[in-house]
Amino acid sequence: MANQGEDDLVASKTEGFKVGEKKTVEEYAKLDQNDESLNRWKASLGISTGAVLDVDPSDTRRCVIQSLALEVDGRPDFIVDLTTPGSVEALKSKPFTIKEGATFRMKANFKVQHDVLSGLKYLQVVKRKGIRVSKDEEMLGSYPPNTVDKPSYEKKCNFWYFVKRLPADPNAVAQDEAPSGMMARGHYEAASKFVDDDNHTHLKFEWSFDITKDWK
């Protein structure tokens, strides 16, 4: 699959929505300290709790995606350590195998450093034989920098949305599982991106998967 065009991986925008003024963690912590509801919101994000992790000042990344995993019911997770050199590039050439009808989802492990990460989203486009079969977007949320007590975040994502629109059986009821039948089996290629409210891309990669009759 050729590199996905930028039009395929553009986050949706809500009409009239404007990104708010950016604040540092310290500014958020001091904001309206007597406002109980605001303090509960800050506590839910983990602001003002725990010592922030030491960060290499030369590493300017705000969000570091450390690993991705395919989580399938009844089977061990298939984990890709993205900190390993060449692991991102290998995703496309080493496809996941998913048995038809299996329930699955992806999950990401990541850390936030330097400042608050606002509105992290996951974008995904899936193609089969060059034809786009789905385009999906999921909001993952906002996160403060990780702390010693919480060195990373894990987010389980409903990345299975694409299976609801695959042309295996146009009359079938949508379900959260891999499609089945000969028409659904085969090789699929995808492009994905993690992006935030500032439209900053934290990771963009291509990957692939095979839907098969049995586990291999």
Protein backbone atom coordinates (compact mmCIF):
# COMPACT_ATOMS: atom_id res chain seq x y z
CA MET A 1 0.00 0.00 0.00
CA ALA A 2 1.36 3.37 -0.88
CA ASN A 3 1.65 5.92 1.90
CA GLN A 4 -1.75 7.10 2.93
CA GLY A 5 -2.56 10.64 1.78
CA GLU A 6 -3.00 13.26 4.44
CA ASP A 7 -6.70 13.51 3.52
CA ASP A 8 -7.19 9.97 4.82
CA LEU A 9 -5.85 10.80 8.28
CA VAL A 10 -7.32 14.20 9.11
CA ALA A 11 -9.16 14.52 12.42
CA SER A 12 -12.74 15.77 12.32
CA LYS A 13 -13.47 19.27 13.58
CA THR A 14 -16.49 20.48 15.50
CA GLU A 15 -17.87 23.64 13.97
CA GLY A 16 -17.24 26.61 16.22
CA PHE A 17 -14.83 24.71 18.50
CA LYS A 18 -11.64 26.54 19.42
CA VAL A 19 -8.74 25.09 21.35
CA GLY A 20 -8.52 26.81 24.71
CA GLU A 21 -5.58 28.75 26.04
CA LYS A 22 -2.68 26.45 26.88
CA LYS A 23 -1.49 26.25 30.46
CA THR A 24 1.40 24.51 32.13
CA VAL A 25 0.87 21.85 34.81
CA GLU A 26 1.86 24.41 37.45
CA GLU A 27 -0.70 26.89 36.12
CA TYR A 28 -3.44 24.24 36.14
CA ALA A 29 -2.52 23.25 39.70
CA LYS A 30 -2.86 26.85 40.92
CA LEU A 31 -6.03 27.57 38.95
CA ASP A 32 -9.01 28.45 41.19
CA GLN A 33 -7.77 26.39 44.11
CA ASN A 34 -10.94 27.11 46.10
CA ASP A 35 -13.24 25.75 43.40
CA GLU A 36 -14.19 22.24 44.56
CA SER A 37 -15.56 21.06 41.22
CA LEU A 38 -12.45 22.27 39.41
CA ASN A 39 -10.23 20.64 42.02
CA ARG A 40 -12.07 17.34 41.48
CA TRP A 41 -11.52 17.69 37.73
CA LYS A 42 -7.82 18.35 38.24
CA ALA A 43 -7.58 15.38 40.61
CA SER A 44 -9.28 13.14 38.02
CA LEU A 45 -6.51 14.09 35.59
CA GLY A 46 -3.84 13.48 38.19
CA ILE A 47 -2.77 17.12 38.32
CA SER A 48 -1.03 18.10 41.57
CA THR A 49 -0.48 14.50 42.67
CA GLY A 50 2.85 12.70 42.70
CA ALA A 51 6.38 13.60 41.64
CA VAL A 52 6.74 14.08 37.91
CA LEU A 53 9.10 11.65 36.15
CA ASP A 54 12.56 12.87 35.25
CA VAL A 55 12.66 13.70 31.54
CA ASP A 56 15.59 14.17 29.20
CA PRO A 57 15.38 17.91 28.37
CA SER A 58 16.62 17.17 24.86
CA ASP A 59 13.61 14.92 24.23
CA THR A 60 10.95 17.47 23.28
CA ARG A 61 8.18 14.92 22.63
CA ARG A 62 5.05 15.51 24.70
CA CYS A 63 3.53 12.07 24.06
CA VAL A 64 5.60 8.92 23.59
CA ILE A 65 3.72 5.85 22.33
CA GLN A 66 5.70 3.01 23.90
CA SER A 67 3.81 -0.06 22.71
CA LEU A 68 0.75 -1.29 20.85
CA ALA A 69 -1.00 -4.59 21.50
CA LEU A 70 -3.68 -6.64 19.81
CA GLU A 71 -6.00 -7.99 22.50
CA VAL A 72 -8.03 -11.04 21.42
CA ASP A 73 -10.45 -12.95 23.64
CA GLY A 74 -8.94 -16.21 24.86
CA ARG A 75 -5.44 -15.59 23.49
CA PRO A 76 -2.26 -13.91 24.78
CA ASP A 77 -1.82 -10.30 23.73
CA PHE A 78 0.35 -9.71 20.70
CA ILE A 79 2.55 -6.82 21.82
CA VAL A 80 4.71 -4.56 19.64
CA ASP A 81 7.41 -2.73 21.59
CA LEU A 82 7.74 0.57 19.74
CA THR A 83 10.87 1.49 21.67
CA THR A 84 12.77 -1.18 19.71
CA PRO A 85 14.59 0.26 16.66
CA GLY A 86 12.81 -0.62 13.41
CA SER A 87 9.62 -1.79 15.15
CA VAL A 88 7.39 0.88 13.58
CA GLU A 89 8.69 0.13 10.10
CA ALA A 90 8.17 -3.61 10.62
CA LEU A 91 4.47 -3.27 11.44
CA LYS A 92 3.43 -3.20 7.80
CA SER A 93 5.56 -6.15 6.70
CA LYS A 94 4.63 -8.38 9.65
CA PRO A 95 0.82 -8.55 9.70
CA PHE A 96 -1.31 -9.51 12.68
CA THR A 97 -3.35 -12.68 12.15
CA ILE A 98 -6.99 -12.55 13.29
CA LYS A 99 -9.30 -15.55 13.08
CA GLU A 100 -12.62 -14.75 11.44
CA GLY A 101 -15.34 -14.07 14.00
CA ALA A 102 -12.84 -13.33 16.81
CA THR A 103 -13.56 -10.42 19.14
CA PHE A 104 -10.57 -8.12 19.42
CA ARG A 105 -9.34 -4.62 20.08
CA MET A 106 -6.11 -2.69 20.19
CA LYS A 107 -4.56 -0.99 23.17
CA ALA A 108 -1.81 1.58 23.47
CA ASN A 109 0.71 2.17 26.23
CA PHE A 110 2.17 5.67 26.31
CA LYS A 111 3.70 8.30 28.52
CA VAL A 112 3.21 12.06 28.66
CA GLN A 113 6.05 14.39 29.51
CA HIS A 114 6.80 18.10 29.89
CA ASP A 115 3.22 19.36 29.87
CA VAL A 116 -0.49 18.48 29.74
CA LEU A 117 -1.52 16.56 26.62
CA SER A 118 -4.87 17.85 25.40
CA GLY A 119 -7.35 15.89 23.29
CA LEU A 120 -5.33 12.89 22.14
CA LYS A 121 -7.09 11.13 19.26
CA TYR A 122 -6.50 7.93 17.33
CA LEU A 123 -7.20 7.97 13.58
CA GLN A 124 -7.34 4.84 11.43
CA VAL A 125 -7.92 4.06 7.76
CA VAL A 126 -8.23 0.46 6.53
CA LYS A 127 -7.91 -0.61 2.89
CA ARG A 128 -8.31 -3.87 1.06
CA LYS A 129 -6.82 -4.24 -2.41
CA GLY A 130 -6.36 -0.50 -2.51
CA ILE A 131 -10.01 0.30 -1.75
CA ARG A 132 -10.81 2.08 1.50
CA VAL A 133 -13.23 0.06 3.61
CA SER A 134 -13.25 2.25 6.71
CA LYS A 135 -12.08 5.47 8.25
CA ASP A 136 -12.39 5.85 12.01
CA GLU A 137 -11.52 8.24 14.79
CA GLU A 138 -11.54 7.81 18.55
CA MET A 139 -10.99 10.38 21.29
CA LEU A 140 -8.55 9.02 23.88
CA GLY A 141 -8.64 11.97 26.27
CA SER A 142 -6.37 14.51 27.95
CA TYR A 143 -3.50 13.60 30.28
CA PRO A 144 -1.03 15.34 32.59
CA PRO A 145 2.65 14.33 32.61
CA ASN A 146 3.28 10.92 34.13
CA THR A 147 4.49 10.63 37.69
CA VAL A 148 6.66 8.25 39.66
CA ASP A 149 3.50 6.61 40.99
CA LYS A 150 1.99 6.35 37.50
CA PRO A 151 4.85 6.04 34.99
CA SER A 152 2.64 5.36 31.96
CA TYR A 153 -0.93 5.25 30.66
CA GLU A 154 -2.77 2.40 28.97
CA LYS A 155 -5.77 3.03 26.79
CA LYS A 156 -7.91 0.24 25.36
CA CYS A 157 -9.45 1.46 22.15
CA ASN A 158 -12.40 0.34 20.08
CA PHE A 159 -10.28 -0.06 16.97
CA TRP A 160 -12.59 -2.80 15.75
CA TYR A 161 -15.00 -0.29 14.19
CA PHE A 162 -13.83 -1.12 10.68
CA VAL A 163 -15.19 -4.67 10.86
CA LYS A 164 -18.73 -3.33 10.99
CA ARG A 165 -18.49 -2.06 7.44
CA LEU A 166 -16.48 -4.72 5.66
CA PRO A 167 -18.33 -6.11 2.62
CA ALA A 168 -18.43 -9.71 3.84
CA ASP A 169 -22.21 -9.68 4.13
CA PRO A 170 -23.99 -6.36 3.49
CA ASN A 171 -27.16 -7.72 5.14
CA ALA A 172 -25.48 -8.81 8.37
CA VAL A 173 -26.07 -7.03 11.66
CA ALA A 174 -22.99 -5.10 12.82
CA GLN A 175 -21.08 -6.79 15.65
CA ASP A 176 -17.86 -6.13 17.50
CA GLU A 177 -16.00 -9.04 15.95
CA ALA A 178 -13.88 -9.88 12.96
CA PRO A 179 -16.03 -10.66 9.91
CA SER A 180 -16.28 -14.24 8.69
CA GLY A 181 -16.74 -16.05 5.41
CA MET A 182 -14.64 -16.31 2.29
CA MET A 183 -15.44 -12.76 1.20
CA ALA A 184 -14.02 -11.37 4.43
CA ARG A 185 -10.83 -13.43 4.56
CA GLY A 186 -7.69 -11.92 3.19
CA HIS A 187 -5.08 -9.24 3.65
CA TYR A 188 -5.86 -5.72 4.87
CA GLU A 189 -3.60 -2.71 5.13
CA ALA A 190 -4.05 0.23 7.44
CA ALA A 191 -2.61 3.60 8.32
CA SER A 192 -2.93 5.07 11.80
CA LYS A 193 -2.05 8.28 13.58
CA PHE A 194 -2.08 9.66 17.11
CA VAL A 195 -2.79 13.39 17.05
CA ASP A 196 -3.83 16.01 19.63
CA ASP A 197 -6.02 19.12 19.75
CA ASP A 198 -3.13 21.20 18.43
CA ASN A 199 -3.03 18.93 15.38
CA HIS A 200 0.40 17.73 16.44
CA THR A 201 1.13 14.19 15.23
CA HIS A 202 2.75 12.05 17.93
CA LEU A 203 2.98 8.86 15.88
CA LYS A 204 2.01 7.91 12.36
CA PHE A 205 2.50 4.40 11.04
CA GLU A 206 1.30 1.78 8.57
CA TRP A 207 0.40 -1.77 9.56
CA SER A 208 -1.44 -4.78 8.21
CA PHE A 209 -3.46 -7.80 9.26
CA ASP A 210 -4.83 -11.00 7.78
CA ILE A 211 -8.29 -12.38 8.53
CA THR A 212 -8.04 -16.17 8.27
CA LYS A 213 -10.26 -19.21 8.76
CA ASP A 214 -8.13 -20.49 11.66
CA TRP A 215 -5.41 -19.18 13.93
CA LYS A 216 -1.96 -19.68 12.49
